[in-house]
């Protein structure tokens, strides 16, 4: 049973790593969007 469980553990770890990367990418995009929105609002205030 141990070898089988180890075989299943590796793909799960890989999936978790990929999910973590996707989450970090989405969070970075959200940050960029927030910054752009702030810049737009500042420009509107400047006008």
PDB file of N, CA and C in Angstrom:
ATOM      1  N   UNK A   1       0.834  -1.215   0.000  1.00  0.00           N
ATOM      2  CA  UNK A   1       0.000   0.000   0.000  1.00  0.00           C
ATOM      3  C   UNK A   1       0.864   1.259   0.000  1.00  0.00           C
ATOM      4  N   UNK A   2       2.023   1.199   0.644  1.00  0.00           N
ATOM      5  CA  UNK A   2       2.849   2.409   0.744  1.00  0.00           C
ATOM      6  C   UNK A   2       3.303   2.929  -0.620  1.00  0.00           C
ATOM      7  N   UNK A   3       3.840   2.076  -1.510  1.00  0.00           N
ATOM      8  CA  UNK A   3       4.280   2.588  -2.816  1.00  0.00           C
ATOM      9  C   UNK A   3       3.146   3.282  -3.572  1.00  0.00           C
ATOM     10  N   UNK A   4       1.943   2.719  -3.531  1.00  0.00           N
ATOM     11  CA  UNK A   4       0.800   3.308  -4.236  1.00  0.00           C
ATOM     12  C   UNK A   4       0.501   4.691  -3.661  1.00  0.00           C
ATOM     13  N   UNK A   5       0.483   4.791  -2.344  1.00  0.00           N
ATOM     14  CA  UNK A   5       0.163   6.074  -1.716  1.00  0.00           C
ATOM     15  C   UNK A   5       1.232   7.111  -2.083  1.00  0.00           C
ATOM     16  N   UNK A   6       2.497   6.676  -2.144  1.00  0.00           N
ATOM     17  CA  UNK A   6       3.560   7.612  -2.517  1.00  0.00           C
ATOM     18  C   UNK A   6       3.376   8.059  -3.962  1.00  0.00           C
ATOM     19  N   UNK A   7       2.957   7.122  -4.821  1.00  0.00           N
ATOM     20  CA  UNK A   7       2.745   7.458  -6.222  1.00  0.00           C
ATOM     21  C   UNK A   7       1.649   8.497  -6.361  1.00  0.00           C
ATOM     22  N   UNK A   8       0.612   8.390  -5.536  1.00  0.00           N
ATOM     23  CA  UNK A   8      -0.496   9.354  -5.609  1.00  0.00           C
ATOM     24  C   UNK A   8      -0.108  10.684  -4.974  1.00  0.00           C
ATOM     25  N   UNK A   9       0.811  10.667  -4.030  1.00  0.00           N
ATOM     26  CA  UNK A   9       1.170  11.892  -3.302  1.00  0.00           C
ATOM     27  C   UNK A   9       1.882  12.881  -4.229  1.00  0.00           C
ATOM     28  N   UNK A  10       2.701  12.377  -5.134  1.00  0.00           N
ATOM     29  CA  UNK A  10       3.478  13.299  -5.981  1.00  0.00           C
ATOM     30  C   UNK A  10       2.588  14.149  -6.887  1.00  0.00           C
ATOM     31  N   UNK A  11       1.651  13.562  -7.644  1.00  0.00           N
ATOM     32  CA  UNK A  11       0.784  14.404  -8.494  1.00  0.00           C
ATOM     33  C   UNK A  11       0.010  15.421  -7.675  1.00  0.00           C
ATOM     34  N   UNK A  12      -0.461  15.046  -6.497  1.00  0.00           N
ATOM     35  CA  UNK A  12      -1.199  15.983  -5.648  1.00  0.00           C
ATOM     36  C   UNK A  12      -0.310  17.164  -5.286  1.00  0.00           C
ATOM     37  N   UNK A  13       0.920  16.901  -4.915  1.00  0.00           N
ATOM     38  CA  UNK A  13       1.844  17.990  -4.556  1.00  0.00           C
ATOM     39  C   UNK A  13       2.054  18.886  -5.776  1.00  0.00           C
ATOM     40  N   UNK A  14       2.190  18.284  -6.951  1.00  0.00           N
ATOM     41  CA  UNK A  14       2.378  19.066  -8.183  1.00  0.00           C
ATOM     42  C   UNK A  14       1.159  19.946  -8.431  1.00  0.00           C
ATOM     43  N   UNK A  15      -0.039  19.367  -8.250  1.00  0.00           N
ATOM     44  CA  UNK A  15      -1.270  20.142  -8.456  1.00  0.00           C
ATOM     45  C   UNK A  15      -1.333  21.294  -7.463  1.00  0.00           C
ATOM     46  N   UNK A  16      -0.980  21.020  -6.220  1.00  0.00           N
ATOM     47  CA  UNK A  16      -1.003  22.074  -5.199  1.00  0.00           C
ATOM     48  C   UNK A  16      -0.045  23.202  -5.575  1.00  0.00           C
ATOM     49  N   UNK A  17       1.136  22.831  -6.086  1.00  0.00           N
ATOM     50  CA  UNK A  17       2.119  23.848  -6.479  1.00  0.00           C
ATOM     51  C   UNK A  17       1.565  24.692  -7.628  1.00  0.00           C
ATOM     52  N   UNK A  18       0.952  24.034  -8.609  1.00  0.00           N
ATOM     53  CA  UNK A  18       0.391  24.771  -9.741  1.00  0.00           C
ATOM     54  C   UNK A  18      -0.734  25.689  -9.274  1.00  0.00           C
ATOM     55  N   UNK A  19      -1.577  25.189  -8.359  1.00  0.00           N
ATOM     56  CA  UNK A  19      -2.674  26.016  -7.840  1.00  0.00           C
ATOM     57  C   UNK A  19      -2.105  27.232  -7.122  1.00  0.00           C
ATOM     58  N   UNK A  20      -1.048  27.022  -6.348  1.00  0.00           N
ATOM     59  CA  UNK A  20      -0.436  28.137  -5.618  1.00  0.00           C
ATOM     60  C   UNK A  20       0.102  29.170  -6.610  1.00  0.00           C
ATOM     61  N   UNK A  21       0.729  28.694  -7.701  1.00  0.00           N
ATOM     62  CA  UNK A  21       1.255  29.628  -8.700  1.00  0.00           C
ATOM     63  C   UNK A  21       0.122  30.420  -9.346  1.00  0.00           C
ATOM     64  N   UNK A  22      -0.986  29.717  -9.656  1.00  0.00           N
ATOM     65  CA  UNK A  22      -2.124  30.404 -10.270  1.00  0.00           C
ATOM     66  C   UNK A  22      -2.674  31.453  -9.320  1.00  0.00           C
ATOM     67  N   UNK A  23      -2.767  31.107  -8.030  1.00  0.00           N
ATOM     68  CA  UNK A  23      -3.290  32.060  -7.052  1.00  0.00           C
ATOM     69  C   UNK A  23      -2.397  33.286  -6.965  1.00  0.00           C
ATOM     70  N   UNK A  24      -1.079  33.077  -6.946  1.00  0.00           N
ATOM     71  CA  UNK A  24      -0.154  34.214  -6.852  1.00  0.00           C
ATOM     72  C   UNK A  24      -0.270  35.083  -8.101  1.00  0.00           C
ATOM     73  N   UNK A  25      -0.430  34.443  -9.272  1.00  0.00           N
ATOM     74  CA  UNK A  25      -0.568  35.219 -10.508  1.00  0.00           C
ATOM     75  C   UNK A  25      -1.841  36.051 -10.474  1.00  0.00           C
ATOM     76  N   UNK A  26      -2.953  35.448 -10.027  1.00  0.00           N
ATOM     77  CA  UNK A  26      -4.218  36.181  -9.993  1.00  0.00           C
ATOM     78  C   UNK A  26      -4.137  37.319  -8.983  1.00  0.00           C
ATOM     79  N   UNK A  27      -3.478  37.083  -7.854  1.00  0.00           N
ATOM     80  CA  UNK A  27      -3.359  38.144  -6.845  1.00  0.00           C
ATOM     81  C   UNK A  27      -2.517  39.295  -7.397  1.00  0.00           C
ATOM     82  N   UNK A  28      -1.466  38.972  -8.145  1.00  0.00           N
ATOM     83  CA  UNK A  28      -0.633  40.024  -8.743  1.00  0.00           C
ATOM     84  C   UNK A  28      -1.453  40.829  -9.751  1.00  0.00           C
ATOM     85  N   UNK A  29      -2.298  40.141 -10.537  1.00  0.00           N
ATOM     86  CA  UNK A  29      -3.127  40.843 -11.520  1.00  0.00           C
ATOM     87  C   UNK A  29      -4.093  41.767 -10.806  1.00  0.00           C
ATOM     88  N   UNK A  30      -4.675  41.287  -9.704  1.00  0.00           N
ATOM     89  CA  UNK A  30      -5.613  42.117  -8.944  1.00  0.00           C
ATOM     90  C   UNK A  30      -4.903  43.363  -8.433  1.00  0.00           C
ATOM     91  N   UNK A  31      -3.676  43.190  -7.960  1.00  0.00           N
ATOM     92  CA  UNK A  31      -2.913  44.346  -7.465  1.00  0.00           C
ATOM     93  C   UNK A  31      -2.699  45.351  -8.584  1.00  0.00           C
ATOM     94  N   UNK A  32      -2.319  44.870  -9.764  1.00  0.00           N
ATOM     95  CA  UNK A  32      -2.086  45.760 -10.904  1.00  0.00           C
ATOM     96  C   UNK A  32      -3.368  46.503 -11.250  1.00  0.00           C
ATOM     97  N   UNK A  33      -4.482  45.780 -11.271  1.00  0.00           N
ATOM     98  CA  UNK A  33      -5.771  46.408 -11.594  1.00  0.00           C
ATOM     99  C   UNK A  33      -6.086  47.487 -10.571  1.00  0.00           C
ATOM    100  N   UNK A  34      -5.865  47.182  -9.282  1.00  0.00           N
ATOM    101  CA  UNK A  34      -6.146  48.167  -8.234  1.00  0.00           C
ATOM    102  C   UNK A  34      -5.292  49.409  -8.429  1.00  0.00           C
ATOM    103  N   UNK A  35      -4.015  49.228  -8.747  1.00  0.00           N
ATOM    104  CA  UNK A  35      -3.120  50.371  -8.953  1.00  0.00           C
ATOM    105  C   UNK A  35      -3.605  51.195 -10.141  1.00  0.00           C
ATOM    106  N   UNK A  36      -4.009  50.502 -11.231  1.00  0.00           N
ATOM    107  CA  UNK A  36      -4.485  51.228 -12.415  1.00  0.00           C
ATOM    108  C   UNK A  36      -5.741  52.017 -12.078  1.00  0.00           C
ATOM    109  N   UNK A  37      -6.627  51.420 -11.297  1.00  0.00           N
ATOM    110  CA  UNK A  37      -7.856  52.125 -10.912  1.00  0.00           C
ATOM    111  C   UNK A  37      -7.501  53.361 -10.088  1.00  0.00           C
ATOM    112  N   UNK A  38      -6.539  53.214  -9.177  1.00  0.00           N
ATOM    113  CA  UNK A  38      -6.122  54.369  -8.367  1.00  0.00           C
ATOM    114  C   UNK A  38      -5.562  55.468  -9.253  1.00  0.00           C
ATOM    115  N   UNK A  39      -4.715  55.113 -10.205  1.00  0.00           N
ATOM    116  CA  UNK A  39      -4.116  56.104 -11.111  1.00  0.00           C
ATOM    117  C   UNK A  39      -5.215  56.800 -11.901  1.00  0.00           C
ATOM    118  N   UNK A  40      -6.183  56.011 -12.397  1.00  0.00           N
ATOM    119  CA  UNK A  40      -7.278  56.610 -13.163  1.00  0.00           C
ATOM    120  C   UNK A  40      -8.052  57.601 -12.303  1.00  0.00           C
ATOM    121  N   UNK A  41      -8.331  57.215 -11.063  1.00  0.00           N
ATOM    122  CA  UNK A  41      -9.093  58.111 -10.189  1.00  0.00           C
ATOM    123  C   UNK A  41      -8.292  59.385  -9.897  1.00  0.00           C
ATOM    124  N   UNK A  42      -6.971  59.239  -9.722  1.00  0.00           N
ATOM    125  CA  UNK A  42      -6.128  60.411  -9.466  1.00  0.00           C
ATOM    126  C   UNK A  42      -6.137  61.334 -10.679  1.00  0.00           C
ATOM    127  N   UNK A  43      -6.069  60.739 -11.873  1.00  0.00           N
ATOM    128  CA  UNK A  43      -6.081  61.554 -13.099  1.00  0.00           C
ATOM    129  C   UNK A  43      -7.415  62.290 -13.202  1.00  0.00           C
ATOM    130  N   UNK A  44      -8.507  61.585 -12.892  1.00  0.00           N
ATOM    131  CA  UNK A  44      -9.827  62.233 -12.941  1.00  0.00           C
ATOM    132  C   UNK A  44      -9.879  63.393 -11.953  1.00  0.00           C
ATOM    133  N   UNK A  45      -9.313  63.200 -10.763  1.00  0.00           N
ATOM    134  CA  UNK A  45      -9.314  64.272  -9.760  1.00  0.00           C
ATOM    135  C   UNK A  45      -8.470  65.448 -10.269  1.00  0.00           C
ATOM    136  N   UNK A  46      -7.348  65.143 -10.944  1.00  0.00           N
ATOM    137  CA  UNK A  46      -6.482  66.202 -11.447  1.00  0.00           C
ATOM    138  C   UNK A  46      -7.174  67.044 -12.493  1.00  0.00           C
ATOM    139  N   UNK A  47      -8.024  66.425 -13.301  1.00  0.00           N
ATOM    140  CA  UNK A  47      -8.745  67.183 -14.323  1.00  0.00           C
ATOM    141  C   UNK A  47      -9.723  68.124 -13.636  1.00  0.00           C
TER     142      UNK A  47
END
